[in-house]
Amino acid sequence: MGRVAFIFVLLLECMIAKEDTALKRCAVCHESKAPPLSRIYRRYLMLYSSKERIRNKMVDFLVSPSLQKSAMPLGMRKRFNPQAHPAYSKTVAKEAAKELIEKFDIVPRIIVPKR
């Protein structure tokens, strides 16, 4: 019984540790009062298309948020006020952008039928 409890606690700690990611910090606001992260990624994808450019533009915005750096359309910029977005360190911004791209990238989801 003691071993089962130990394994359960260990698994629970691993799950909690994995959830404390850079993207989890973003999700706090982006699930309630800011545009959904999936919509933000799609907007960046439409504007910049390459993952490298998307990553660079996201990091640039997250390090020093401003109205001009926002990828959102003008109406959404006025509604959600990107200047009020918290600024992050470059390290955290890079990690968050990387996680966002990995989570919402559509390429791994595309299934090419075998001929």
PDB file of N, CA and C in Angstrom:
ATOM      1  N   MET A   1       0.825  -1.199   0.000  1.00  0.00           N
ATOM      2  CA  MET A   1       0.000   0.000   0.000  1.00  0.00           C
ATOM      3  C   MET A   1       0.868   1.261   0.000  1.00  0.00           C
ATOM      4  N   GLY A   2       1.933   1.222   0.752  1.00  0.00           N
ATOM      5  CA  GLY A   2       2.836   2.374   0.832  1.00  0.00           C
ATOM      6  C   GLY A   2       3.487   2.677  -0.515  1.00  0.00           C
ATOM      7  N   ARG A   3       3.828   1.621  -1.269  1.00  0.00           N
ATOM      8  CA  ARG A   3       4.439   1.803  -2.585  1.00  0.00           C
ATOM      9  C   ARG A   3       3.445   2.449  -3.556  1.00  0.00           C
ATOM     10  N   VAL A   4       2.208   2.019  -3.493  1.00  0.00           N
ATOM     11  CA  VAL A   4       1.182   2.583  -4.376  1.00  0.00           C
ATOM     12  C   VAL A   4       1.007   4.070  -4.084  1.00  0.00           C
ATOM     13  N   ALA A   5       0.959   4.427  -2.816  1.00  0.00           N
ATOM     14  CA  ALA A   5       0.816   5.837  -2.437  1.00  0.00           C
ATOM     15  C   ALA A   5       2.032   6.635  -2.900  1.00  0.00           C
ATOM     16  N   PHE A   6       3.223   6.080  -2.741  1.00  0.00           N
ATOM     17  CA  PHE A   6       4.434   6.766  -3.175  1.00  0.00           C
ATOM     18  C   PHE A   6       4.418   7.012  -4.683  1.00  0.00           C
ATOM     19  N   ILE A   7       4.047   6.001  -5.452  1.00  0.00           N
ATOM     20  CA  ILE A   7       3.992   6.137  -6.912  1.00  0.00           C
ATOM     21  C   ILE A   7       2.943   7.180  -7.299  1.00  0.00           C
ATOM     22  N   PHE A   8       1.796   7.152  -6.631  1.00  0.00           N
ATOM     23  CA  PHE A   8       0.749   8.133  -6.925  1.00  0.00           C
ATOM     24  C   PHE A   8       1.239   9.553  -6.660  1.00  0.00           C
ATOM     25  N   VAL A   9       1.882   9.784  -5.538  1.00  0.00           N
ATOM     26  CA  VAL A   9       2.404  11.116  -5.201  1.00  0.00           C
ATOM     27  C   VAL A   9       3.479  11.529  -6.206  1.00  0.00           C
ATOM     28  N   LEU A  10       4.336  10.621  -6.586  1.00  0.00           N
ATOM     29  CA  LEU A  10       5.386  10.912  -7.555  1.00  0.00           C
ATOM     30  C   LEU A  10       4.795  11.311  -8.911  1.00  0.00           C
ATOM     31  N   LEU A  11       3.803  10.568  -9.379  1.00  0.00           N
ATOM     32  CA  LEU A  11       3.141  10.904 -10.639  1.00  0.00           C
ATOM     33  C   LEU A  11       2.437  12.253 -10.559  1.00  0.00           C
ATOM     34  N   LEU A  12       1.802  12.523  -9.437  1.00  0.00           N
ATOM     35  CA  LEU A  12       1.117  13.800  -9.253  1.00  0.00           C
ATOM     36  C   LEU A  12       2.105  14.964  -9.290  1.00  0.00           C
ATOM     37  N   GLU A  13       3.242  14.816  -8.657  1.00  0.00           N
ATOM     38  CA  GLU A  13       4.272  15.859  -8.689  1.00  0.00           C
ATOM     39  C   GLU A  13       4.814  16.066 -10.093  1.00  0.00           C
ATOM     40  N   CYS A  14       4.980  15.004 -10.841  1.00  0.00           N
ATOM     41  CA  CYS A  14       5.449  15.125 -12.224  1.00  0.00           C
ATOM     42  C   CYS A  14       4.442  15.879 -13.081  1.00  0.00           C
ATOM     43  N   MET A  15       3.157  15.597 -12.887  1.00  0.00           N
ATOM     44  CA  MET A  15       2.128  16.286 -13.660  1.00  0.00           C
ATOM     45  C   MET A  15       2.095  17.771 -13.320  1.00  0.00           C
ATOM     46  N   ILE A  16       2.217  18.106 -12.054  1.00  0.00           N
ATOM     47  CA  ILE A  16       2.212  19.512 -11.639  1.00  0.00           C
ATOM     48  C   ILE A  16       3.438  20.219 -12.178  1.00  0.00           C
ATOM     49  N   ALA A  17       4.589  19.590 -12.131  1.00  0.00           N
ATOM     50  CA  ALA A  17       5.820  20.204 -12.629  1.00  0.00           C
ATOM     51  C   ALA A  17       5.743  20.474 -14.128  1.00  0.00           C
ATOM     52  N   LYS A  18       5.139  19.575 -14.896  1.00  0.00           N
ATOM     53  CA  LYS A  18       5.034  19.761 -16.339  1.00  0.00           C
ATOM     54  C   LYS A  18       4.116  20.917 -16.696  1.00  0.00           C
ATOM     55  N   GLU A  19       3.110  21.175 -15.854  1.00  0.00           N
ATOM     56  CA  GLU A  19       2.151  22.225 -16.167  1.00  0.00           C
ATOM     57  C   GLU A  19       2.695  23.615 -15.883  1.00  0.00           C
ATOM     58  N   ASP A  20       3.768  23.744 -15.145  1.00  0.00           N
ATOM     59  CA  ASP A  20       4.337  25.048 -14.853  1.00  0.00           C
ATOM     60  C   ASP A  20       5.285  25.450 -15.979  1.00  0.00           C
ATOM     61  N   THR A  21       4.717  25.741 -17.123  1.00  0.00           N
ATOM     62  CA  THR A  21       5.496  26.116 -18.292  1.00  0.00           C
ATOM     63  C   THR A  21       5.257  27.582 -18.608  1.00  0.00           C
ATOM     64  N   ALA A  22       6.042  28.096 -19.518  1.00  0.00           N
ATOM     65  CA  ALA A  22       5.882  29.494 -19.922  1.00  0.00           C
ATOM     66  C   ALA A  22       4.509  29.731 -20.527  1.00  0.00           C
ATOM     67  N   LEU A  23       4.030  28.783 -21.293  1.00  0.00           N
ATOM     68  CA  LEU A  23       2.725  28.928 -21.938  1.00  0.00           C
ATOM     69  C   LEU A  23       1.592  28.914 -20.910  1.00  0.00           C
ATOM     70  N   LYS A  24       1.785  28.217 -19.819  1.00  0.00           N
ATOM     71  CA  LYS A  24       0.772  28.168 -18.761  1.00  0.00           C
ATOM     72  C   LYS A  24       0.574  29.563 -18.171  1.00  0.00           C
ATOM     73  N   ARG A  25       1.645  30.340 -18.062  1.00  0.00           N
ATOM     74  CA  ARG A  25       1.527  31.721 -17.576  1.00  0.00           C
ATOM     75  C   ARG A  25       0.645  32.542 -18.508  1.00  0.00           C
ATOM     76  N   CYS A  26       0.809  32.321 -19.793  1.00  0.00           N
ATOM     77  CA  CYS A  26       0.034  33.069 -20.789  1.00  0.00           C
ATOM     78  C   CYS A  26      -1.439  32.670 -20.737  1.00  0.00           C
ATOM     79  N   ALA A  27      -1.680  31.385 -20.535  1.00  0.00           N
ATOM     80  CA  ALA A  27      -3.047  30.860 -20.573  1.00  0.00           C
ATOM     81  C   ALA A  27      -3.922  31.440 -19.473  1.00  0.00           C
ATOM     82  N   VAL A  28      -3.326  31.901 -18.393  1.00  0.00           N
ATOM     83  CA  VAL A  28      -4.106  32.471 -17.299  1.00  0.00           C
ATOM     84  C   VAL A  28      -5.007  33.595 -17.810  1.00  0.00           C
ATOM     85  N   CYS A  29      -4.456  34.509 -18.580  1.00  0.00           N
ATOM     86  CA  CYS A  29      -5.258  35.619 -19.128  1.00  0.00           C
ATOM     87  C   CYS A  29      -5.918  35.250 -20.449  1.00  0.00           C
ATOM     88  N   HIS A  30      -5.223  34.475 -21.262  1.00  0.00           N
ATOM     89  CA  HIS A  30      -5.726  34.187 -22.600  1.00  0.00           C
ATOM     90  C   HIS A  30      -6.884  33.192 -22.602  1.00  0.00           C
ATOM     91  N   GLU A  31      -7.218  32.630 -21.461  1.00  0.00           N
ATOM     92  CA  GLU A  31      -8.400  31.778 -21.370  1.00  0.00           C
ATOM     93  C   GLU A  31      -9.616  32.554 -20.895  1.00  0.00           C
ATOM     94  N   SER A  32      -9.387  33.766 -20.357  1.00  0.00           N
ATOM     95  CA  SER A  32     -10.520  34.496 -19.800  1.00  0.00           C
ATOM     96  C   SER A  32     -10.732  35.881 -20.416  1.00  0.00           C
ATOM     97  N   LYS A  33      -9.703  36.732 -20.400  1.00  0.00           N
ATOM     98  CA  LYS A  33      -9.937  38.117 -20.819  1.00  0.00           C
ATOM     99  C   LYS A  33      -9.123  38.572 -22.025  1.00  0.00           C
ATOM    100  N   ALA A  34      -8.384  37.710 -22.627  1.00  0.00           N
ATOM    101  CA  ALA A  34      -7.589  38.054 -23.813  1.00  0.00           C
ATOM    102  C   ALA A  34      -7.931  37.068 -24.936  1.00  0.00           C
ATOM    103  N   PRO A  35      -7.554  37.374 -26.179  1.00  0.00           N
ATOM    104  CA  PRO A  35      -7.856  36.446 -27.284  1.00  0.00           C
ATOM    105  C   PRO A  35      -7.239  35.071 -27.031  1.00  0.00           C
ATOM    106  N   PRO A  36      -7.910  33.998 -27.450  1.00  0.00           N
ATOM    107  CA  PRO A  36      -7.370  32.649 -27.254  1.00  0.00           C
ATOM    108  C   PRO A  36      -6.018  32.486 -27.952  1.00  0.00           C
ATOM    109  N   LEU A  37      -5.155  31.708 -27.340  1.00  0.00           N
ATOM    110  CA  LEU A  37      -3.814  31.496 -27.892  1.00  0.00           C
ATOM    111  C   LEU A  37      -3.863  30.868 -29.280  1.00  0.00           C
ATOM    112  N   SER A  38      -4.841  29.998 -29.523  1.00  0.00           N
ATOM    113  CA  SER A  38      -4.937  29.386 -30.846  1.00  0.00           C
ATOM    114  C   SER A  38      -5.220  30.441 -31.915  1.00  0.00           C
ATOM    115  N   ARG A  39      -6.052  31.407 -31.609  1.00  0.00           N
ATOM    116  CA  ARG A  39      -6.370  32.474 -32.559  1.00  0.00           C
ATOM    117  C   ARG A  39      -5.154  33.380 -32.791  1.00  0.00           C
ATOM    118  N   ILE A  40      -4.407  33.619 -31.748  1.00  0.00           N
ATOM    119  CA  ILE A  40      -3.204  34.439 -31.886  1.00  0.00           C
ATOM    120  C   ILE A  40      -2.199  33.739 -32.793  1.00  0.00           C
ATOM    121  N   TYR A  41      -2.018  32.427 -32.578  1.00  0.00           N
ATOM    122  CA  TYR A  41      -1.078  31.693 -33.429  1.00  0.00           C
ATOM    123  C   TYR A  41      -1.521  31.717 -34.889  1.00  0.00           C
ATOM    124  N   ARG A  42      -2.821  31.512 -35.124  1.00  0.00           N
ATOM    125  CA  ARG A  42      -3.319  31.549 -36.510  1.00  0.00           C
ATOM    126  C   ARG A  42      -3.083  32.908 -37.155  1.00  0.00           C
ATOM    127  N   ARG A  43      -3.248  33.969 -36.393  1.00  0.00           N
ATOM    128  CA  ARG A  43      -3.016  35.312 -36.927  1.00  0.00           C
ATOM    129  C   ARG A  43      -1.537  35.490 -37.300  1.00  0.00           C
ATOM    130  N   TYR A  44      -0.635  35.074 -36.421  1.00  0.00           N
ATOM    131  CA  TYR A  44       0.798  35.149 -36.728  1.00  0.00           C
ATOM    132  C   TYR A  44       1.126  34.297 -37.948  1.00  0.00           C
ATOM    133  N   LEU A  45       0.512  33.141 -38.050  1.00  0.00           N
ATOM    134  CA  LEU A  45       0.750  32.249 -39.175  1.00  0.00           C
ATOM    135  C   LEU A  45       0.309  32.888 -40.484  1.00  0.00           C
ATOM    136  N   MET A  46      -0.817  33.566 -40.473  1.00  0.00           N
ATOM    137  CA  MET A  46      -1.297  34.255 -41.681  1.00  0.00           C
ATOM    138  C   MET A  46      -0.361  35.398 -42.084  1.00  0.00           C
ATOM    139  N   LEU A  47       0.171  36.101 -41.093  1.00  0.00           N
ATOM    140  CA  LEU A  47       1.002  37.266 -41.392  1.00  0.00           C
ATOM    141  C   LEU A  47       2.436  36.909 -41.772  1.00  0.00           C
ATOM    142  N   TYR A  48       3.013  35.922 -41.113  1.00  0.00           N
ATOM    143  CA  TYR A  48       4.448  35.677 -41.270  1.00  0.00           C
ATOM    144  C   TYR A  48       4.814  34.331 -41.873  1.00  0.00           C
ATOM    145  N   SER A  49       3.978  33.365 -41.843  1.00  0.00           N
ATOM    146  CA  SER A  49       4.094  32.041 -42.451  1.00  0.00           C
ATOM    147  C   SER A  49       5.269  31.175 -41.998  1.00  0.00           C
ATOM    148  N   SER A  50       6.465  31.677 -41.835  1.00  0.00           N
ATOM    149  CA  SER A  50       7.568  30.806 -41.402  1.00  0.00           C
ATOM    150  C   SER A  50       7.640  30.769 -39.871  1.00  0.00           C
ATOM    151  N   LYS A  51       7.933  29.606 -39.335  1.00  0.00           N
ATOM    152  CA  LYS A  51       7.995  29.450 -37.880  1.00  0.00           C
ATOM    153  C   LYS A  51       9.052  30.361 -37.262  1.00  0.00           C
ATOM    154  N   GLU A  52      10.159  30.534 -37.957  1.00  0.00           N
ATOM    155  CA  GLU A  52      11.232  31.390 -37.438  1.00  0.00           C
ATOM    156  C   GLU A  52      10.776  32.846 -37.321  1.00  0.00           C
ATOM    157  N   ARG A  53      10.097  33.342 -38.359  1.00  0.00           N
ATOM    158  CA  ARG A  53       9.592  34.722 -38.306  1.00  0.00           C
ATOM    159  C   ARG A  53       8.509  34.872 -37.250  1.00  0.00           C
ATOM    160  N   ILE A  54       7.647  33.860 -37.137  1.00  0.00           N
ATOM    161  CA  ILE A  54       6.613  33.891 -36.104  1.00  0.00           C
ATOM    162  C   ILE A  54       7.257  33.974 -34.728  1.00  0.00           C
ATOM    163  N   ARG A  55       8.225  33.109 -34.489  1.00  0.00           N
ATOM    164  CA  ARG A  55       8.917  33.081 -33.196  1.00  0.00           C
ATOM    165  C   ARG A  55       9.562  34.434 -32.904  1.00  0.00           C
ATOM    166  N   ASN A  56      10.263  35.003 -33.886  1.00  0.00           N
ATOM    167  CA  ASN A  56      10.934  36.286 -33.681  1.00  0.00           C
ATOM    168  C   ASN A  56       9.951  37.409 -33.381  1.00  0.00           C
ATOM    169  N   LYS A  57       8.833  37.448 -34.106  1.00  0.00           N
ATOM    170  CA  LYS A  57       7.832  38.496 -33.896  1.00  0.00           C
ATOM    171  C   LYS A  57       7.149  38.335 -32.536  1.00  0.00           C
ATOM    172  N   MET A  58       6.863  37.098 -32.137  1.00  0.00           N
ATOM    173  CA  MET A  58       6.248  36.869 -30.825  1.00  0.00           C
ATOM    174  C   MET A  58       7.185  37.283 -29.701  1.00  0.00           C
ATOM    175  N   VAL A  59       8.440  36.890 -29.814  1.00  0.00           N
ATOM    176  CA  VAL A  59       9.414  37.237 -28.787  1.00  0.00           C
ATOM    177  C   VAL A  59       9.565  38.755 -28.704  1.00  0.00           C
ATOM    178  N   ASP A  60       9.643  39.411 -29.844  1.00  0.00           N
ATOM    179  CA  ASP A  60       9.756  40.867 -29.871  1.00  0.00           C
ATOM    180  C   ASP A  60       8.575  41.518 -29.155  1.00  0.00           C
ATOM    181  N   PHE A  61       7.362  41.022 -29.412  1.00  0.00           N
ATOM    182  CA  PHE A  61       6.182  41.573 -28.734  1.00  0.00           C
ATOM    183  C   PHE A  61       6.215  41.282 -27.241  1.00  0.00           C
ATOM    184  N   LEU A  62       6.555  40.049 -26.849  1.00  0.00           N
ATOM    185  CA  LEU A  62       6.515  39.666 -25.434  1.00  0.00           C
ATOM    186  C   LEU A  62       7.570  40.381 -24.598  1.00  0.00           C
ATOM    187  N   VAL A  63       8.699  40.729 -25.212  1.00  0.00           N
ATOM    188  CA  VAL A  63       9.757  41.438 -24.485  1.00  0.00           C
ATOM    189  C   VAL A  63       9.371  42.899 -24.267  1.00  0.00           C
ATOM    190  N   SER A  64       8.783  43.534 -25.281  1.00  0.00           N
ATOM    191  CA  SER A  64       8.339  44.927 -25.135  1.00  0.00           C
ATOM    192  C   SER A  64       7.016  45.125 -25.876  1.00  0.00           C
ATOM    193  N   PRO A  65       5.900  44.806 -25.214  1.00  0.00           N
ATOM    194  CA  PRO A  65       4.580  44.888 -25.845  1.00  0.00           C
ATOM    195  C   PRO A  65       4.225  46.326 -26.259  1.00  0.00           C
ATOM    196  N   SER A  66       3.643  46.455 -27.436  1.00  0.00           N
ATOM    197  CA  SER A  66       3.167  47.759 -27.896  1.00  0.00           C
ATOM    198  C   SER A  66       2.059  47.550 -28.915  1.00  0.00           C
ATOM    199  N   LEU A  67       1.326  48.611 -29.174  1.00  0.00           N
ATOM    200  CA  LEU A  67       0.231  48.565 -30.138  1.00  0.00           C
ATOM    201  C   LEU A  67       0.754  48.248 -31.531  1.00  0.00           C
ATOM    202  N   GLN A  68       1.905  48.813 -31.890  1.00  0.00           N
ATOM    203  CA  GLN A  68       2.470  48.619 -33.222  1.00  0.00           C
ATOM    204  C   GLN A  68       2.986  47.197 -33.437  1.00  0.00           C
ATOM    205  N   LYS A  69       3.461  46.546 -32.401  1.00  0.00           N
ATOM    206  CA  LYS A  69       4.032  45.200 -32.531  1.00  0.00           C
ATOM    207  C   LYS A  69       2.972  44.101 -32.497  1.00  0.00           C
ATOM    208  N   SER A  70       1.768  44.431 -32.101  1.00  0.00           N
ATOM    209  CA  SER A  70       0.710  43.433 -32.005  1.00  0.00           C
ATOM    210  C   SER A  70       0.336  42.922 -33.386  1.00  0.00           C
ATOM    211  N   ALA A  71       0.087  41.634 -33.487  1.00  0.00           N
ATOM    212  CA  ALA A  71      -0.309  41.014 -34.762  1.00  0.00           C
ATOM    213  C   ALA A  71      -1.817  41.045 -34.965  1.00  0.00           C
ATOM    214  N   MET A  72      -2.548  41.458 -33.954  1.00  0.00           N
ATOM    215  CA  MET A  72      -4.001  41.462 -34.028  1.00  0.00           C
ATOM    216  C   MET A  72      -4.511  42.605 -34.901  1.00  0.00           C
ATOM    217  N   PRO A  73      -5.689  42.429 -35.517  1.00  0.00           N
ATOM    218  CA  PRO A  73      -6.293  43.514 -36.297  1.00  0.00           C
ATOM    219  C   PRO A  73      -6.583  44.725 -35.408  1.00  0.00           C
ATOM    220  N   LEU A  74      -6.740  45.887 -36.011  1.00  0.00           N
ATOM    221  CA  LEU A  74      -6.899  47.134 -35.278  1.00  0.00           C
ATOM    222  C   LEU A  74      -8.038  47.086 -34.263  1.00  0.00           C
ATOM    223  N   GLY A  75      -9.178  46.526 -34.640  1.00  0.00           N
ATOM    224  CA  GLY A  75     -10.308  46.451 -33.711  1.00  0.00           C
ATOM    225  C   GLY A  75      -9.986  45.661 -32.456  1.00  0.00           C
ATOM    226  N   MET A  76      -9.284  44.557 -32.627  1.00  0.00           N
ATOM    227  CA  MET A  76      -8.900  43.746 -31.464  1.00  0.00           C
ATOM    228  C   MET A  76      -7.825  44.438 -30.644  1.00  0.00           C
ATOM    229  N   ARG A  77      -6.948  45.179 -31.301  1.00  0.00           N
ATOM    230  CA  ARG A  77      -5.931  45.934 -30.554  1.00  0.00           C
ATOM    231  C   ARG A  77      -6.589  46.942 -29.634  1.00  0.00           C
ATOM    232  N   LYS A  78      -7.595  47.635 -30.155  1.00  0.00           N
ATOM    233  CA  LYS A  78      -8.289  48.626 -29.334  1.00  0.00           C
ATOM    234  C   LYS A  78      -9.053  47.958 -28.194  1.00  0.00           C
ATOM    235  N   ARG A  79      -9.629  46.812 -28.477  1.00  0.00           N
ATOM    236  CA  ARG A  79     -10.431  46.122 -27.461  1.00  0.00           C
ATOM    237  C   ARG A  79      -9.578  45.519 -26.343  1.00  0.00           C
ATOM    238  N   PHE A  80      -8.442  44.902 -26.704  1.00  0.00           N
ATOM    239  CA  PHE A  80      -7.654  44.165 -25.713  1.00  0.00           C
ATOM    240  C   PHE A  80      -6.416  44.902 -25.202  1.00  0.00           C
ATOM    241  N   ASN A  81      -6.086  46.057 -25.754  1.00  0.00           N
ATOM    242  CA  ASN A  81      -5.011  46.915 -25.256  1.00  0.00           C
ATOM    243  C   ASN A  81      -3.677  46.175 -25.060  1.00  0.00           C
ATOM    244  N   PRO A  82      -2.955  45.905 -26.138  1.00  0.00           N
ATOM    245  CA  PRO A  82      -1.704  45.154 -26.018  1.00  0.00           C
ATOM    246  C   PRO A  82      -0.615  45.866 -25.210  1.00  0.00           C
ATOM    247  N   GLN A  83      -0.729  47.187 -25.024  1.00  0.00           N
ATOM    248  CA  GLN A  83       0.260  47.891 -24.211  1.00  0.00           C
ATOM    249  C   GLN A  83       0.207  47.433 -22.754  1.00  0.00           C
ATOM    250  N   ALA A  84      -0.955  46.951 -22.314  1.00  0.00           N
ATOM    251  CA  ALA A  84      -1.105  46.490 -20.937  1.00  0.00           C
ATOM    252  C   ALA A  84      -0.573  45.076 -20.732  1.00  0.00           C
ATOM    253  N   HIS A  85      -0.154  44.424 -21.810  1.00  0.00           N
ATOM    254  CA  HIS A  85       0.392  43.061 -21.726  1.00  0.00           C
ATOM    255  C   HIS A  85       1.669  43.100 -20.900  1.00  0.00           C
ATOM    256  N   PRO A  86       1.864  42.160 -19.982  1.00  0.00           N
ATOM    257  CA  PRO A  86       3.106  42.160 -19.195  1.00  0.00           C
ATOM    258  C   PRO A  86       4.319  41.869 -20.074  1.00  0.00           C
ATOM    259  N   ALA A  87       5.424  42.518 -19.771  1.00  0.00           N
ATOM    260  CA  ALA A  87       6.679  42.266 -20.489  1.00  0.00           C
ATOM    261  C   ALA A  87       7.391  41.091 -19.811  1.00  0.00           C
ATOM    262  N   TYR A  88       8.008  40.246 -20.620  1.00  0.00           N
ATOM    263  CA  TYR A  88       8.724  39.083 -20.113  1.00  0.00           C
ATOM    264  C   TYR A  88      10.192  39.184 -20.493  1.00  0.00           C
ATOM    265  N   SER A  89      11.014  38.411 -19.803  1.00  0.00           N
ATOM    266  CA  SER A  89      12.422  38.345 -20.180  1.00  0.00           C
ATOM    267  C   SER A  89      12.523  37.629 -21.519  1.00  0.00           C
ATOM    268  N   LYS A  90      13.635  37.816 -22.191  1.00  0.00           N
ATOM    269  CA  LYS A  90      13.816  37.203 -23.502  1.00  0.00           C
ATOM    270  C   LYS A  90      13.779  35.674 -23.401  1.00  0.00           C
ATOM    271  N   THR A  91      14.320  35.129 -22.332  1.00  0.00           N
ATOM    272  CA  THR A  91      14.341  33.676 -22.138  1.00  0.00           C
ATOM    273  C   THR A  91      12.926  33.118 -22.011  1.00  0.00           C
ATOM    274  N   VAL A  92      12.111  33.744 -21.180  1.00  0.00           N
ATOM    275  CA  VAL A  92      10.729  33.294 -20.992  1.00  0.00           C
ATOM    276  C   VAL A  92       9.934  33.488 -22.277  1.00  0.00           C
ATOM    277  N   ALA A  93      10.160  34.606 -22.960  1.00  0.00           N
ATOM    278  CA  ALA A  93       9.448  34.889 -24.209  1.00  0.00           C
ATOM    279  C   ALA A  93       9.782  33.839 -25.272  1.00  0.00           C
ATOM    280  N   LYS A  94      11.046  33.466 -25.386  1.00  0.00           N
ATOM    281  CA  LYS A  94      11.442  32.444 -26.366  1.00  0.00           C
ATOM    282  C   LYS A  94      10.802  31.106 -26.047  1.00  0.00           C
ATOM    283  N   GLU A  95      10.769  30.755 -24.776  1.00  0.00           N
ATOM    284  CA  GLU A  95      10.175  29.485 -24.361  1.00  0.00           C
ATOM    285  C   GLU A  95       8.665  29.476 -24.635  1.00  0.00           C
ATOM    286  N   ALA A  96       7.994  30.584 -24.322  1.00  0.00           N
ATOM    287  CA  ALA A  96       6.548  30.664 -24.555  1.00  0.00           C
ATOM    288  C   ALA A  96       6.230  30.578 -26.046  1.00  0.00           C
ATOM    289  N   ALA A  97       6.998  31.282 -26.871  1.00  0.00           N
ATOM    290  CA  ALA A  97       6.773  31.243 -28.323  1.00  0.00           C
ATOM    291  C   ALA A  97       7.007  29.831 -28.862  1.00  0.00           C
ATOM    292  N   LYS A  98       8.053  29.180 -28.376  1.00  0.00           N
ATOM    293  CA  LYS A  98       8.355  27.812 -28.816  1.00  0.00           C
ATOM    294  C   LYS A  98       7.216  26.863 -28.447  1.00  0.00           C
ATOM    295  N   GLU A  99       6.729  26.958 -27.222  1.00  0.00           N
ATOM    296  CA  GLU A  99       5.644  26.096 -26.771  1.00  0.00           C
ATOM    297  C   GLU A  99       4.350  26.369 -27.545  1.00  0.00           C
ATOM    298  N   LEU A 100       4.069  27.632 -27.818  1.00  0.00           N
ATOM    299  CA  LEU A 100       2.866  27.990 -28.565  1.00  0.00           C
ATOM    300  C   LEU A 100       2.905  27.413 -29.971  1.00  0.00           C
ATOM    301  N   ILE A 101       4.040  27.536 -30.624  1.00  0.00           N
ATOM    302  CA  ILE A 101       4.188  27.005 -31.984  1.00  0.00           C
ATOM    303  C   ILE A 101       4.046  25.480 -31.973  1.00  0.00           C
ATOM    304  N   GLU A 102       4.674  24.819 -31.012  1.00  0.00           N
ATOM    305  CA  GLU A 102       4.577  23.359 -30.934  1.00  0.00           C
ATOM    306  C   GLU A 102       3.141  22.901 -30.661  1.00  0.00           C
ATOM    307  N   LYS A 103       2.421  23.645 -29.820  1.00  0.00           N
ATOM    308  CA  LYS A 103       1.075  23.238 -29.446  1.00  0.00           C
ATOM    309  C   LYS A 103       0.065  23.438 -30.579  1.00  0.00           C
ATOM    310  N   PHE A 104       0.179  24.538 -31.320  1.00  0.00           N
ATOM    311  CA  PHE A 104      -0.843  24.867 -32.308  1.00  0.00           C
ATOM    312  C   PHE A 104      -0.400  24.688 -33.754  1.00  0.00           C
ATOM    313  N   ASP A 105       0.788  24.168 -33.983  1.00  0.00           N
ATOM    314  CA  ASP A 105       1.264  23.961 -35.351  1.00  0.00           C
ATOM    315  C   ASP A 105       0.394  22.924 -36.051  1.00  0.00           C
ATOM    316  N   ILE A 106      -0.004  23.226 -37.272  1.00  0.00           N
ATOM    317  CA  ILE A 106      -0.905  22.324 -37.995  1.00  0.00           C
ATOM    318  C   ILE A 106      -0.168  21.259 -38.804  1.00  0.00           C
ATOM    319  N   VAL A 107       1.098  21.465 -39.085  1.00  0.00           N
ATOM    320  CA  VAL A 107       1.839  20.528 -39.936  1.00  0.00           C
ATOM    321  C   VAL A 107       1.850  19.106 -39.370  1.00  0.00           C
ATOM    322  N   PRO A 108       2.117  18.905 -38.083  1.00  0.00           N
ATOM    323  CA  PRO A 108       2.099  17.522 -37.567  1.00  0.00           C
ATOM    324  C   PRO A 108       0.716  16.866 -37.633  1.00  0.00           C
ATOM    325  N   ARG A 109      -0.335  17.668 -37.743  1.00  0.00           N
ATOM    326  CA  ARG A 109      -1.688  17.133 -37.787  1.00  0.00           C
ATOM    327  C   ARG A 109      -2.124  16.699 -39.167  1.00  0.00           C
ATOM    328  N   ILE A 110      -1.383  17.119 -40.172  1.00  0.00           N
ATOM    329  CA  ILE A 110      -1.741  16.785 -41.555  1.00  0.00           C
ATOM    330  C   ILE A 110      -1.361  15.344 -41.822  1.00  0.00           C
ATOM    331  N   ILE A 111      -2.310  14.575 -42.287  1.00  0.00           N
ATOM    332  CA  ILE A 111      -2.059  13.167 -42.607  1.00  0.00           C
ATOM    333  C   ILE A 111      -2.114  13.037 -44.127  1.00  0.00           C
ATOM    334  N   VAL A 112      -1.006  12.627 -44.680  1.00  0.00           N
ATOM    335  CA  VAL A 112      -0.931  12.436 -46.132  1.00  0.00           C
ATOM    336  C   VAL A 112      -1.294  10.980 -46.418  1.00  0.00           C
ATOM    337  N   PRO A 113      -2.309  10.751 -47.242  1.00  0.00           N
ATOM    338  CA  PRO A 113      -2.693   9.370 -47.536  1.00  0.00           C
ATOM    339  C   PRO A 113      -1.610   8.646 -48.331  1.00  0.00           C
ATOM    340  N   LYS A 114      -1.427   7.381 -47.999  1.00  0.00           N
ATOM    341  CA  LYS A 114      -0.451   6.560 -48.730  1.00  0.00           C
ATOM    342  C   LYS A 114      -1.060   6.127 -50.041  1.00  0.00           C
ATOM    343  N   ARG A 115      -0.253   6.067 -51.057  1.00  0.00           N
ATOM    344  CA  ARG A 115      -0.751   5.651 -52.370  1.00  0.00           C
ATOM    345  C   ARG A 115      -0.340   4.243 -52.661  1.00  0.00           C
TER     346      ARG A 115
END
